[in-house]
Amino acid sequence: MMGAYIEYADASGYARQVAVGGVLGALIIGFKRAAFSNEAGLGSAPIAHSAVKTKHPASEGLVALLEPFIDTVVICTMTALTIVIANPASWAEARAGESIGGVTITSDAFGTVLPWFPYILTIAVMLFAISTVLTWGYYCMKAWTHLFGRSRASELTFKVIYTLFAVAGSLLTLQTLIDMADAILFMLAVINIIGLYLLAPVVKRELNSFLEFVRARKAGEVDAEEDQEPVKTTV
């Protein structure tokens, strides 16, 4: 009797370990793909948002909060639901262990009701790839010029290096590129999250200032024209 109880306890403990391991594994994969999708927490989006003109930087921060929600929660959820509901053959093969890209599965899923959709998706993926190369080139150049100056020679040096890396990247396998991207994004997240904690008091002060301004404007205590004088923020 005691032996059976011990065997049951061991089996139960093993099942819990498997369940916890599965949940943690799913969370890790989800975090990796989410960071790759919306770049939340990496510190890249502020480079783009810093180019706006506003008297209240916190207002731009609130706008930036919508990006991960729309990108990941809305669009990715809609895509996932479409794949699950359409249940294309490529999705079944992927669940069976076949190595099939997400774009292929998405194309097949939408193609079940829109036969012409794969062509639209192909164009969208091409445009997305081009825009990603250009966007990250802008981000990297801003970081480069911040470190090495904004001279013409400095910018030209960066463009040459960036172009060489882009060509070298096209020669690598997709999985190698994904692994490299995950490693680099992880390093960016670690550095940026440390900065977030250090700058939390500044963010809180700016947010409170903006919310107070909004309250005063709604109460008619502030002229609407006061918010029409933008202040450009630069990187």
Protein backbone atom coordinates (compact mmCIF):
# COMPACT_ATOMS: atom_id res chain seq x y z
CA MET A 1 0.00 0.00 0.00
CA MET A 2 2.77 2.37 0.95
CA GLY A 3 4.65 1.51 -2.24
CA ALA A 4 1.60 2.32 -4.35
CA TYR A 5 1.18 5.65 -2.56
CA ILE A 6 4.84 6.54 -3.15
CA GLU A 7 4.51 5.60 -6.82
CA TYR A 8 1.38 7.76 -7.10
CA ALA A 9 3.11 10.67 -5.38
CA ASP A 10 6.10 10.37 -7.71
CA ALA A 11 3.84 10.26 -10.76
CA SER A 12 1.85 13.24 -9.49
CA GLY A 13 5.01 15.23 -8.82
CA TYR A 14 6.36 14.38 -12.27
CA ALA A 15 3.08 15.48 -13.87
CA ARG A 16 3.27 18.81 -12.06
CA GLN A 17 6.86 19.31 -13.20
CA VAL A 18 5.85 18.55 -16.79
CA ALA A 19 2.92 20.98 -16.58
CA VAL A 20 5.05 23.75 -15.08
CA GLY A 21 7.79 23.13 -17.62
CA GLY A 22 5.29 23.26 -20.47
CA VAL A 23 3.80 26.53 -19.24
CA LEU A 24 7.21 28.13 -18.77
CA GLY A 25 8.34 26.92 -22.19
CA ALA A 26 5.23 28.37 -23.83
CA LEU A 27 5.75 31.67 -22.00
CA ILE A 28 9.40 31.87 -23.10
CA ILE A 29 8.52 31.19 -26.74
CA GLY A 30 5.66 33.67 -26.50
CA PHE A 31 7.89 36.37 -25.00
CA LYS A 32 10.52 35.81 -27.69
CA ARG A 33 8.04 36.06 -30.54
CA ALA A 34 6.22 39.01 -28.95
CA ALA A 35 9.48 40.94 -28.55
CA PHE A 36 10.37 40.10 -32.14
CA SER A 37 6.95 41.31 -33.26
CA ASN A 38 6.36 44.55 -31.36
CA GLU A 39 9.79 45.32 -29.82
CA ALA A 40 8.12 46.33 -26.55
CA GLY A 41 10.69 47.02 -23.86
CA LEU A 42 13.68 47.11 -26.21
CA GLY A 43 14.11 50.88 -26.34
CA SER A 44 13.90 51.07 -30.13
CA ALA A 45 10.50 52.77 -30.48
CA PRO A 46 11.54 55.83 -28.40
CA ILE A 47 14.10 56.63 -31.11
CA ALA A 48 11.27 57.07 -33.60
CA HIS A 49 8.92 58.81 -31.15
CA SER A 50 11.62 61.25 -30.09
CA ALA A 51 11.43 62.87 -33.54
CA VAL A 52 7.97 64.33 -32.85
CA LYS A 53 7.16 67.87 -31.79
CA THR A 54 5.23 68.18 -28.54
CA LYS A 55 5.24 70.19 -25.35
CA HIS A 56 4.36 67.10 -23.35
CA PRO A 57 6.58 64.06 -24.00
CA ALA A 58 4.28 61.91 -21.85
CA SER A 59 1.52 62.34 -24.44
CA GLU A 60 3.71 60.62 -27.03
CA GLY A 61 4.45 57.89 -24.52
CA LEU A 62 0.75 57.22 -24.12
CA VAL A 63 0.39 56.97 -27.89
CA ALA A 64 3.30 54.52 -27.96
CA LEU A 65 1.49 52.30 -25.45
CA LEU A 66 -1.14 51.54 -28.08
CA GLU A 67 1.36 50.04 -30.53
CA PRO A 68 2.06 46.71 -28.78
CA PHE A 69 -1.65 46.33 -28.00
CA ILE A 70 -2.74 46.80 -31.62
CA ASP A 71 0.16 44.80 -33.05
CA THR A 72 0.18 41.81 -30.70
CA VAL A 73 -3.17 41.65 -28.91
CA VAL A 74 -5.41 42.65 -31.83
CA ILE A 75 -3.66 41.70 -35.08
CA CYS A 76 -1.79 38.61 -33.88
CA THR A 77 -4.89 37.31 -32.07
CA MET A 78 -7.02 37.80 -35.19
CA THR A 79 -4.43 35.96 -37.28
CA ALA A 80 -4.19 33.10 -34.77
CA LEU A 81 -7.98 32.73 -34.61
CA THR A 82 -8.18 32.69 -38.40
CA ILE A 83 -5.60 29.88 -38.56
CA VAL A 84 -7.34 27.81 -35.87
CA ILE A 85 -10.80 28.26 -37.41
CA ALA A 86 -9.72 27.68 -41.03
CA ASN A 87 -7.49 24.74 -39.98
CA PRO A 88 -5.50 24.51 -43.25
CA ALA A 89 -3.47 21.40 -44.09
CA SER A 90 -0.19 23.24 -43.41
CA TRP A 91 -1.37 23.99 -39.84
CA ALA A 92 -2.05 20.30 -39.22
CA GLU A 93 1.38 19.43 -40.61
CA ALA A 94 3.04 22.04 -38.38
CA ARG A 95 1.33 20.57 -35.31
CA ALA A 96 2.62 17.17 -36.38
CA GLY A 97 6.17 18.46 -36.19
CA GLU A 98 6.79 19.65 -39.74
CA SER A 99 8.91 22.78 -40.15
CA ILE A 100 6.50 25.18 -41.84
CA GLY A 101 6.79 28.95 -41.68
CA GLY A 102 4.11 31.06 -40.07
CA VAL A 103 3.64 33.09 -43.25
CA THR A 104 2.84 29.91 -45.19
CA ILE A 105 0.26 28.82 -42.61
CA THR A 106 -1.31 32.30 -42.56
CA SER A 107 -1.43 32.38 -46.35
CA ASP A 108 -3.10 28.97 -46.51
CA ALA A 109 -5.60 29.92 -43.80
CA PHE A 110 -6.77 33.11 -45.49
CA GLY A 111 -6.57 31.39 -48.89
CA THR A 112 -9.38 29.02 -47.86
CA VAL A 113 -11.89 31.87 -48.24
CA LEU A 114 -9.89 34.42 -50.29
CA PRO A 115 -8.04 32.60 -53.09
CA TRP A 116 -6.23 35.78 -54.12
CA PHE A 117 -5.03 36.59 -50.59
CA PRO A 118 -1.64 34.79 -50.85
CA TYR A 119 -0.56 37.31 -53.50
CA ILE A 120 -1.54 40.24 -51.27
CA LEU A 121 0.28 38.65 -48.33
CA THR A 122 3.41 38.16 -50.44
CA ILE A 123 3.48 41.86 -51.30
CA ALA A 124 2.80 42.78 -47.66
CA VAL A 125 5.66 40.58 -46.43
CA MET A 126 8.04 42.15 -48.98
CA LEU A 127 7.05 45.66 -47.90
CA PHE A 128 7.36 44.66 -44.25
CA ALA A 129 10.88 43.32 -44.83
CA ILE A 130 11.97 46.48 -46.67
CA SER A 131 10.45 48.78 -44.05
CA THR A 132 12.11 46.76 -41.27
CA VAL A 133 15.54 47.12 -42.88
CA LEU A 134 15.04 50.86 -43.31
CA THR A 135 13.62 51.38 -39.80
CA TRP A 136 16.39 49.50 -38.02
CA GLY A 137 18.90 51.31 -40.20
CA TYR A 138 17.48 54.59 -38.89
CA TYR A 139 17.56 53.35 -35.29
CA CYS A 140 21.13 52.11 -35.59
CA MET A 141 22.33 55.27 -37.31
CA LYS A 142 20.90 57.44 -34.52
CA ALA A 143 22.68 55.29 -31.94
CA TRP A 144 25.90 55.38 -34.00
CA THR A 145 25.89 59.15 -34.44
CA HIS A 146 25.14 59.59 -30.73
CA LEU A 147 28.32 57.65 -29.95
CA PHE A 148 30.59 58.80 -32.78
CA GLY A 149 29.18 62.18 -33.79
CA ARG A 150 26.88 63.40 -36.55
CA SER A 151 29.54 64.19 -39.13
CA ARG A 152 29.12 63.18 -42.75
CA ALA A 153 32.08 60.79 -42.51
CA SER A 154 30.54 59.10 -39.44
CA GLU A 155 27.19 58.57 -41.14
CA LEU A 156 28.83 57.29 -44.33
CA THR A 157 30.91 54.80 -42.32
CA PHE A 158 27.80 53.49 -40.61
CA LYS A 159 25.90 53.12 -43.90
CA VAL A 160 28.73 51.08 -45.41
CA ILE A 161 28.95 48.81 -42.35
CA TYR A 162 25.16 48.40 -42.18
CA THR A 163 24.99 47.51 -45.88
CA LEU A 164 27.73 44.90 -45.49
CA PHE A 165 25.93 43.32 -42.55
CA ALA A 166 22.65 43.29 -44.51
CA VAL A 167 24.35 41.44 -47.35
CA ALA A 168 26.01 39.02 -44.94
CA GLY A 169 22.68 38.38 -43.23
CA SER A 170 21.06 37.36 -46.51
CA LEU A 171 23.61 34.52 -46.79
CA LEU A 172 22.66 32.97 -43.43
CA THR A 173 19.85 30.51 -42.81
CA LEU A 174 16.55 31.76 -41.44
CA GLN A 175 16.94 29.89 -38.15
CA THR A 176 20.42 31.34 -37.64
CA LEU A 177 19.08 34.84 -38.20
CA ILE A 178 16.21 34.24 -35.75
CA ASP A 179 18.61 32.93 -33.10
CA MET A 180 20.91 35.94 -33.56
CA ALA A 181 17.95 38.33 -33.42
CA ASP A 182 16.66 36.71 -30.21
CA ALA A 183 20.10 37.04 -28.58
CA ILE A 184 20.51 40.68 -29.58
CA LEU A 185 16.96 41.60 -28.57
CA PHE A 186 17.55 39.97 -25.19
CA MET A 187 20.65 42.11 -24.63
CA LEU A 188 18.74 45.23 -25.66
CA ALA A 189 15.90 44.36 -23.28
CA VAL A 190 18.24 43.84 -20.32
CA ILE A 191 19.95 47.21 -20.85
CA ASN A 192 16.71 49.06 -21.56
CA ILE A 193 14.78 47.59 -18.60
CA ILE A 194 17.58 48.71 -16.26
CA GLY A 195 17.21 52.20 -17.74
CA LEU A 196 13.44 52.05 -17.25
CA TYR A 197 13.86 51.46 -13.53
CA LEU A 198 16.41 54.27 -13.23
CA LEU A 199 14.20 56.72 -15.14
CA ALA A 200 10.92 55.69 -13.48
CA PRO A 201 10.83 58.84 -11.28
CA VAL A 202 11.27 61.06 -14.34
CA VAL A 203 8.52 59.23 -16.22
CA LYS A 204 6.19 59.53 -13.23
CA ARG A 205 6.87 63.27 -12.95
CA GLU A 206 6.26 63.85 -16.69
CA LEU A 207 3.07 61.77 -16.66
CA ASN A 208 1.67 63.59 -13.64
CA SER A 209 2.50 66.91 -15.28
CA PHE A 210 0.69 65.93 -18.48
CA LEU A 211 -2.36 64.58 -16.64
CA GLU A 212 -2.53 67.78 -14.62
CA PHE A 213 -2.38 69.79 -17.85
CA VAL A 214 -5.23 67.71 -19.35
CA ARG A 215 -7.31 68.23 -16.20
CA ALA A 216 -6.67 71.98 -16.26
CA ARG A 217 -7.51 72.20 -19.96
CA LYS A 218 -10.80 70.37 -19.49
CA ALA A 219 -11.63 72.70 -16.61
CA GLY A 220 -10.94 75.72 -18.83
CA GLU A 221 -8.01 76.84 -16.70
CA VAL A 222 -5.55 76.60 -19.61
CA ASP A 223 -5.83 78.14 -23.06
CA ALA A 224 -6.11 75.62 -25.88
CA GLU A 225 -3.47 77.63 -27.74
CA GLU A 226 -0.92 76.78 -25.09
CA ASP A 227 -0.70 73.27 -26.47
CA GLN A 228 -0.19 74.55 -30.01
CA GLU A 229 3.45 75.48 -29.42
CA PRO A 230 5.37 72.31 -30.09
CA VAL A 231 8.80 71.63 -28.74
CA LYS A 232 10.86 69.30 -30.91
CA THR A 233 12.62 66.48 -29.12
CA THR A 234 15.70 65.04 -30.75
CA VAL A 235 17.85 61.97 -30.37
